Amino acid sequence: MFNKLNDEEIRVIENKGTERPFSGEFNDFYEKGIFTCKKCNTKLYESDTKFSSGCGWPSFDDNIQGAVKRVPDVDGRRVEIVCSNCGGHLGHVFEGEGFTSKNTRHCVNSISLNFEKK
């Protein structure tokens, strides 16, 4: 069973939209815990993989194993990331930018996430 989503959550999570940069609650958020999928509660990201990229959306350099699926974006240039359980749109993944030693940035919409404090 999935969580009930409001209209804006549906626009981003189900219809593959994007929230405005620097507007999401988790952009400058650094508490310890786990970020979960807003639609199905799957655990997606540990807080220690989150970093500041300055891009305007929460950035992570790794996901919990098996939690995030990469799919070609319809724009033909980017790689979309979705929850592997429910298929909810999270954002996009970029590699080779050099922000962290893992050289990966999951650029995630805050609206696609919930947070469980440790």
N, C-alpha and C. Protein backbone atom coordinates (compact mmCIF):
# COMPACT_ATOMS: atom_id res chain seq x y z
N MET A 1 0.85 -1.19 0.00
CA MET A 1 0.00 0.00 0.00
C MET A 1 0.89 1.25 0.00
N PHE A 2 0.55 2.21 -0.83
CA PHE A 2 1.33 3.43 -0.95
C PHE A 2 0.74 4.55 -0.12
N ASN A 3 1.60 5.49 0.27
CA ASN A 3 1.17 6.67 1.00
C ASN A 3 0.36 7.58 0.08
N LYS A 4 -0.59 8.30 0.65
CA LYS A 4 -1.37 9.28 -0.12
C LYS A 4 -0.48 10.49 -0.39
N LEU A 5 -0.45 10.92 -1.65
CA LEU A 5 0.37 12.06 -2.06
C LEU A 5 -0.52 13.25 -2.38
N ASN A 6 0.00 14.45 -2.09
CA ASN A 6 -0.74 15.66 -2.49
C ASN A 6 -0.45 15.97 -3.96
N ASP A 7 -1.08 17.00 -4.50
CA ASP A 7 -0.95 17.30 -5.93
C ASP A 7 0.49 17.58 -6.36
N GLU A 8 1.24 18.32 -5.55
CA GLU A 8 2.62 18.64 -5.91
C GLU A 8 3.51 17.40 -5.83
N GLU A 9 3.28 16.55 -4.83
CA GLU A 9 4.02 15.29 -4.73
C GLU A 9 3.73 14.40 -5.93
N ILE A 10 2.48 14.34 -6.36
CA ILE A 10 2.11 13.56 -7.55
C ILE A 10 2.82 14.11 -8.78
N ARG A 11 2.87 15.45 -8.90
CA ARG A 11 3.52 16.08 -10.06
C ARG A 11 4.98 15.66 -10.16
N VAL A 12 5.69 15.62 -9.02
CA VAL A 12 7.11 15.28 -9.04
C VAL A 12 7.33 13.77 -9.03
N ILE A 13 6.72 13.06 -8.09
CA ILE A 13 7.01 11.65 -7.88
C ILE A 13 6.41 10.75 -8.96
N GLU A 14 5.18 10.99 -9.33
CA GLU A 14 4.52 10.12 -10.31
C GLU A 14 4.63 10.63 -11.74
N ASN A 15 4.68 11.96 -11.90
CA ASN A 15 4.73 12.54 -13.25
C ASN A 15 6.11 13.05 -13.64
N LYS A 16 7.12 12.69 -12.84
CA LYS A 16 8.53 12.98 -13.13
C LYS A 16 8.84 14.47 -13.26
N GLY A 17 8.23 15.26 -12.38
CA GLY A 17 8.50 16.69 -12.35
C GLY A 17 9.74 17.01 -11.54
N THR A 18 9.99 18.30 -11.37
CA THR A 18 11.14 18.77 -10.59
C THR A 18 10.69 19.93 -9.70
N GLU A 19 11.10 19.89 -8.43
CA GLU A 19 10.80 21.03 -7.57
C GLU A 19 11.79 22.16 -7.87
N ARG A 20 11.42 23.37 -7.53
CA ARG A 20 12.30 24.52 -7.75
C ARG A 20 13.59 24.35 -6.95
N PRO A 21 14.74 24.73 -7.53
CA PRO A 21 16.00 24.63 -6.78
C PRO A 21 15.96 25.50 -5.53
N PHE A 22 16.64 25.05 -4.49
CA PHE A 22 16.78 25.74 -3.20
C PHE A 22 15.45 25.89 -2.47
N SER A 23 14.41 25.16 -2.88
CA SER A 23 13.09 25.29 -2.24
C SER A 23 12.75 24.12 -1.33
N GLY A 24 13.44 23.00 -1.46
CA GLY A 24 13.07 21.78 -0.73
C GLY A 24 13.59 21.76 0.69
N GLU A 25 12.86 21.10 1.57
CA GLU A 25 13.20 21.08 2.99
C GLU A 25 14.51 20.37 3.30
N PHE A 26 14.97 19.48 2.42
CA PHE A 26 16.19 18.72 2.71
C PHE A 26 17.44 19.25 2.01
N ASN A 27 17.34 20.36 1.29
CA ASN A 27 18.50 20.90 0.59
C ASN A 27 19.65 21.20 1.56
N ASP A 28 19.39 21.96 2.61
CA ASP A 28 20.41 22.30 3.61
C ASP A 28 20.09 21.61 4.94
N PHE A 29 19.91 20.33 4.91
CA PHE A 29 19.48 19.53 6.06
C PHE A 29 20.54 18.46 6.32
N TYR A 30 21.08 18.43 7.55
CA TYR A 30 22.18 17.50 7.82
C TYR A 30 22.04 16.75 9.14
N GLU A 31 20.84 16.32 9.49
CA GLU A 31 20.66 15.50 10.68
C GLU A 31 21.03 14.05 10.36
N LYS A 32 21.28 13.28 11.42
CA LYS A 32 21.63 11.86 11.26
C LYS A 32 20.36 11.03 11.16
N GLY A 33 20.34 10.15 10.17
CA GLY A 33 19.18 9.28 9.99
C GLY A 33 19.16 8.68 8.61
N ILE A 34 17.96 8.34 8.17
CA ILE A 34 17.77 7.68 6.88
C ILE A 34 16.68 8.41 6.10
N PHE A 35 16.96 8.65 4.83
CA PHE A 35 15.99 9.24 3.92
C PHE A 35 15.22 8.10 3.26
N THR A 36 13.90 8.22 3.26
CA THR A 36 13.03 7.18 2.71
C THR A 36 12.18 7.72 1.58
N CYS A 37 11.63 6.83 0.78
CA CYS A 37 10.74 7.20 -0.31
C CYS A 37 9.42 7.70 0.26
N LYS A 38 9.00 8.88 -0.18
CA LYS A 38 7.74 9.45 0.31
C LYS A 38 6.54 8.61 -0.11
N LYS A 39 6.64 7.92 -1.24
CA LYS A 39 5.49 7.16 -1.74
C LYS A 39 5.33 5.81 -1.05
N CYS A 40 6.47 5.11 -0.77
CA CYS A 40 6.34 3.73 -0.27
C CYS A 40 7.16 3.43 0.99
N ASN A 41 7.90 4.42 1.50
CA ASN A 41 8.70 4.26 2.73
C ASN A 41 9.95 3.39 2.60
N THR A 42 10.35 3.03 1.40
CA THR A 42 11.59 2.28 1.21
C THR A 42 12.76 3.13 1.66
N LYS A 43 13.70 2.53 2.38
CA LYS A 43 14.91 3.24 2.82
C LYS A 43 15.82 3.42 1.61
N LEU A 44 16.17 4.69 1.31
CA LEU A 44 16.93 5.02 0.10
C LEU A 44 18.36 5.46 0.35
N TYR A 45 18.55 6.38 1.31
CA TYR A 45 19.87 7.01 1.53
C TYR A 45 20.16 7.15 3.01
N GLU A 46 21.38 6.80 3.41
CA GLU A 46 21.88 7.07 4.76
C GLU A 46 22.32 8.54 4.79
N SER A 47 22.14 9.20 5.92
CA SER A 47 22.48 10.62 6.02
C SER A 47 23.97 10.89 5.81
N ASP A 48 24.83 9.91 6.11
CA ASP A 48 26.27 10.16 5.95
C ASP A 48 26.71 10.14 4.48
N THR A 49 25.80 9.84 3.55
CA THR A 49 26.14 9.92 2.12
C THR A 49 25.69 11.25 1.51
N LYS A 50 25.05 12.10 2.32
CA LYS A 50 24.57 13.40 1.84
C LYS A 50 25.70 14.43 1.92
N PHE A 51 25.77 15.29 0.90
CA PHE A 51 26.80 16.33 0.89
C PHE A 51 26.24 17.58 0.22
N SER A 52 26.93 18.69 0.42
CA SER A 52 26.52 19.96 -0.18
C SER A 52 27.19 20.13 -1.53
N SER A 53 26.38 20.18 -2.59
CA SER A 53 26.92 20.37 -3.94
C SER A 53 26.65 21.78 -4.45
N GLY A 54 25.78 22.51 -3.76
CA GLY A 54 25.43 23.85 -4.20
C GLY A 54 24.46 23.88 -5.37
N CYS A 55 23.90 22.74 -5.74
CA CYS A 55 23.04 22.67 -6.93
C CYS A 55 21.60 23.07 -6.65
N GLY A 56 21.20 23.13 -5.36
CA GLY A 56 19.84 23.51 -5.03
C GLY A 56 18.92 22.36 -4.67
N TRP A 57 19.43 21.14 -4.76
CA TRP A 57 18.67 19.96 -4.38
C TRP A 57 19.55 19.09 -3.48
N PRO A 58 18.96 18.25 -2.64
CA PRO A 58 19.76 17.34 -1.82
C PRO A 58 20.64 16.46 -2.72
N SER A 59 21.90 16.30 -2.31
CA SER A 59 22.85 15.50 -3.07
C SER A 59 23.39 14.38 -2.20
N PHE A 60 23.46 13.19 -2.79
CA PHE A 60 23.99 12.00 -2.11
C PHE A 60 25.00 11.34 -3.04
N ASP A 61 26.07 10.77 -2.46
CA ASP A 61 27.05 10.11 -3.32
C ASP A 61 26.90 8.59 -3.34
N ASP A 62 25.88 8.07 -2.66
CA ASP A 62 25.61 6.64 -2.69
C ASP A 62 24.21 6.41 -2.17
N ASN A 63 23.61 5.30 -2.57
CA ASN A 63 22.29 4.91 -2.07
C ASN A 63 22.41 3.61 -1.30
N ILE A 64 21.39 3.28 -0.54
CA ILE A 64 21.33 1.99 0.13
C ILE A 64 21.23 0.93 -0.97
N GLN A 65 22.04 -0.11 -0.84
CA GLN A 65 22.15 -1.12 -1.89
C GLN A 65 20.78 -1.64 -2.32
N GLY A 66 20.52 -1.58 -3.63
CA GLY A 66 19.30 -2.11 -4.20
C GLY A 66 18.08 -1.21 -4.10
N ALA A 67 18.21 -0.04 -3.46
CA ALA A 67 17.05 0.82 -3.21
C ALA A 67 16.72 1.76 -4.36
N VAL A 68 17.72 2.09 -5.18
CA VAL A 68 17.54 3.07 -6.24
C VAL A 68 17.89 2.45 -7.58
N LYS A 69 17.02 2.65 -8.55
CA LYS A 69 17.22 2.11 -9.90
C LYS A 69 17.54 3.26 -10.85
N ARG A 70 18.48 3.03 -11.75
CA ARG A 70 18.85 4.01 -12.78
C ARG A 70 18.16 3.63 -14.08
N VAL A 71 17.54 4.62 -14.72
CA VAL A 71 16.88 4.40 -16.01
C VAL A 71 17.21 5.57 -16.94
N PRO A 72 17.30 5.33 -18.24
CA PRO A 72 17.55 6.44 -19.17
C PRO A 72 16.42 7.46 -19.08
N ASP A 73 16.77 8.74 -19.00
CA ASP A 73 15.77 9.80 -18.95
C ASP A 73 15.17 9.98 -20.34
N VAL A 74 13.93 10.43 -20.38
CA VAL A 74 13.27 10.66 -21.67
C VAL A 74 13.96 11.75 -22.49
N ASP A 75 14.76 12.61 -21.81
CA ASP A 75 15.46 13.67 -22.56
C ASP A 75 16.64 13.11 -23.36
N GLY A 76 17.00 11.85 -23.13
CA GLY A 76 18.07 11.21 -23.89
C GLY A 76 19.47 11.57 -23.45
N ARG A 77 19.62 12.48 -22.47
CA ARG A 77 20.95 12.90 -22.03
C ARG A 77 21.26 12.49 -20.60
N ARG A 78 20.27 12.52 -19.74
CA ARG A 78 20.51 12.27 -18.32
C ARG A 78 20.09 10.85 -17.93
N VAL A 79 20.46 10.48 -16.70
CA VAL A 79 20.05 9.20 -16.13
C VAL A 79 19.12 9.51 -14.96
N GLU A 80 17.88 9.04 -15.08
CA GLU A 80 16.89 9.24 -14.03
C GLU A 80 17.12 8.22 -12.92
N ILE A 81 16.81 8.61 -11.68
CA ILE A 81 16.82 7.66 -10.58
C ILE A 81 15.40 7.57 -10.01
N VAL A 82 15.00 6.32 -9.76
CA VAL A 82 13.67 6.04 -9.23
C VAL A 82 13.80 5.06 -8.06
N CYS A 83 12.80 5.06 -7.20
CA CYS A 83 12.74 4.08 -6.11
C CYS A 83 12.58 2.71 -6.75
N SER A 84 13.43 1.77 -6.35
CA SER A 84 13.36 0.43 -6.96
C SER A 84 12.11 -0.33 -6.53
N ASN A 85 11.47 0.09 -5.45
CA ASN A 85 10.26 -0.60 -4.98
C ASN A 85 9.01 -0.12 -5.71
N CYS A 86 8.78 1.20 -5.75
CA CYS A 86 7.52 1.72 -6.31
C CYS A 86 7.69 2.45 -7.64
N GLY A 87 8.93 2.71 -8.06
CA GLY A 87 9.16 3.42 -9.30
C GLY A 87 8.99 4.92 -9.21
N GLY A 88 8.82 5.45 -8.00
CA GLY A 88 8.66 6.89 -7.82
C GLY A 88 9.89 7.65 -8.25
N HIS A 89 9.68 8.76 -8.95
CA HIS A 89 10.78 9.60 -9.45
C HIS A 89 11.48 10.28 -8.27
N LEU A 90 12.80 10.14 -8.23
CA LEU A 90 13.61 10.78 -7.20
C LEU A 90 14.36 11.99 -7.77
N GLY A 91 14.93 11.84 -8.95
CA GLY A 91 15.73 12.90 -9.55
C GLY A 91 16.61 12.32 -10.63
N HIS A 92 17.89 12.74 -10.63
CA HIS A 92 18.85 12.27 -11.63
C HIS A 92 20.19 11.99 -10.97
N VAL A 93 21.01 11.17 -11.61
CA VAL A 93 22.34 10.86 -11.11
C VAL A 93 23.37 11.35 -12.12
N PHE A 94 24.45 11.92 -11.58
CA PHE A 94 25.54 12.44 -12.41
C PHE A 94 26.85 11.87 -11.91
N GLU A 95 27.74 11.55 -12.83
CA GLU A 95 29.04 10.99 -12.46
C GLU A 95 30.15 11.83 -13.07
N GLY A 96 31.31 11.81 -12.41
CA GLY A 96 32.49 12.48 -12.95
C GLY A 96 32.60 13.95 -12.58
N GLU A 97 31.84 14.42 -11.62
CA GLU A 97 31.88 15.83 -11.24
C GLU A 97 32.94 16.14 -10.18
N GLY A 98 33.40 15.11 -9.45
CA GLY A 98 34.47 15.28 -8.48
C GLY A 98 34.09 15.87 -7.14
N PHE A 99 32.80 15.88 -6.81
CA PHE A 99 32.39 16.43 -5.51
C PHE A 99 32.88 15.59 -4.34
N THR A 100 32.86 14.26 -4.49
CA THR A 100 33.30 13.35 -3.43
C THR A 100 34.21 12.29 -4.04
N SER A 101 34.81 11.49 -3.19
CA SER A 101 35.71 10.44 -3.68
C SER A 101 34.95 9.39 -4.51
N LYS A 102 33.64 9.27 -4.30
CA LYS A 102 32.84 8.32 -5.08
C LYS A 102 32.50 8.87 -6.46
N ASN A 103 32.71 10.18 -6.65
CA ASN A 103 32.54 10.83 -7.96
C ASN A 103 31.14 10.65 -8.53
N THR A 104 30.14 10.57 -7.63
CA THR A 104 28.75 10.37 -8.02
C THR A 104 27.88 11.36 -7.25
N ARG A 105 26.88 11.91 -7.94
CA ARG A 105 25.93 12.82 -7.27
C ARG A 105 24.51 12.41 -7.65
N HIS A 106 23.78 11.91 -6.65
CA HIS A 106 22.36 11.68 -6.80
C HIS A 106 21.70 13.02 -6.46
N CYS A 107 21.10 13.65 -7.43
CA CYS A 107 20.43 14.94 -7.28
C CYS A 107 18.94 14.64 -7.09
N VAL A 108 18.45 14.79 -5.85
CA VAL A 108 17.14 14.27 -5.47
C VAL A 108 16.19 15.40 -5.07
N ASN A 109 14.96 15.31 -5.51
CA ASN A 109 13.93 16.25 -5.08
C ASN A 109 13.59 15.99 -3.62
N SER A 110 13.64 17.02 -2.78
CA SER A 110 13.26 16.87 -1.37
C SER A 110 11.85 16.30 -1.24
N ILE A 111 10.97 16.74 -2.12
CA ILE A 111 9.56 16.34 -2.05
C ILE A 111 9.37 14.83 -2.26
N SER A 112 10.38 14.17 -2.83
CA SER A 112 10.32 12.72 -3.03
C SER A 112 10.73 11.94 -1.79
N LEU A 113 11.18 12.65 -0.76
CA LEU A 113 11.78 12.01 0.42
C LEU A 113 11.01 12.28 1.71
N ASN A 114 11.13 11.36 2.64
CA ASN A 114 10.83 11.56 4.05
C ASN A 114 12.12 11.29 4.80
N PHE A 115 12.15 11.61 6.08
CA PHE A 115 13.36 11.43 6.88
C PHE A 115 13.01 10.74 8.19
N GLU A 116 13.81 9.73 8.53
CA GLU A 116 13.70 9.03 9.83
C GLU A 116 14.94 9.36 10.63
N LYS A 117 14.76 10.11 11.70
CA LYS A 117 15.88 10.53 12.55
C LYS A 117 16.43 9.33 13.31
N LYS A 118 17.78 9.29 13.45
CA LYS A 118 18.41 8.21 14.22
C LYS A 118 18.44 8.59 15.67
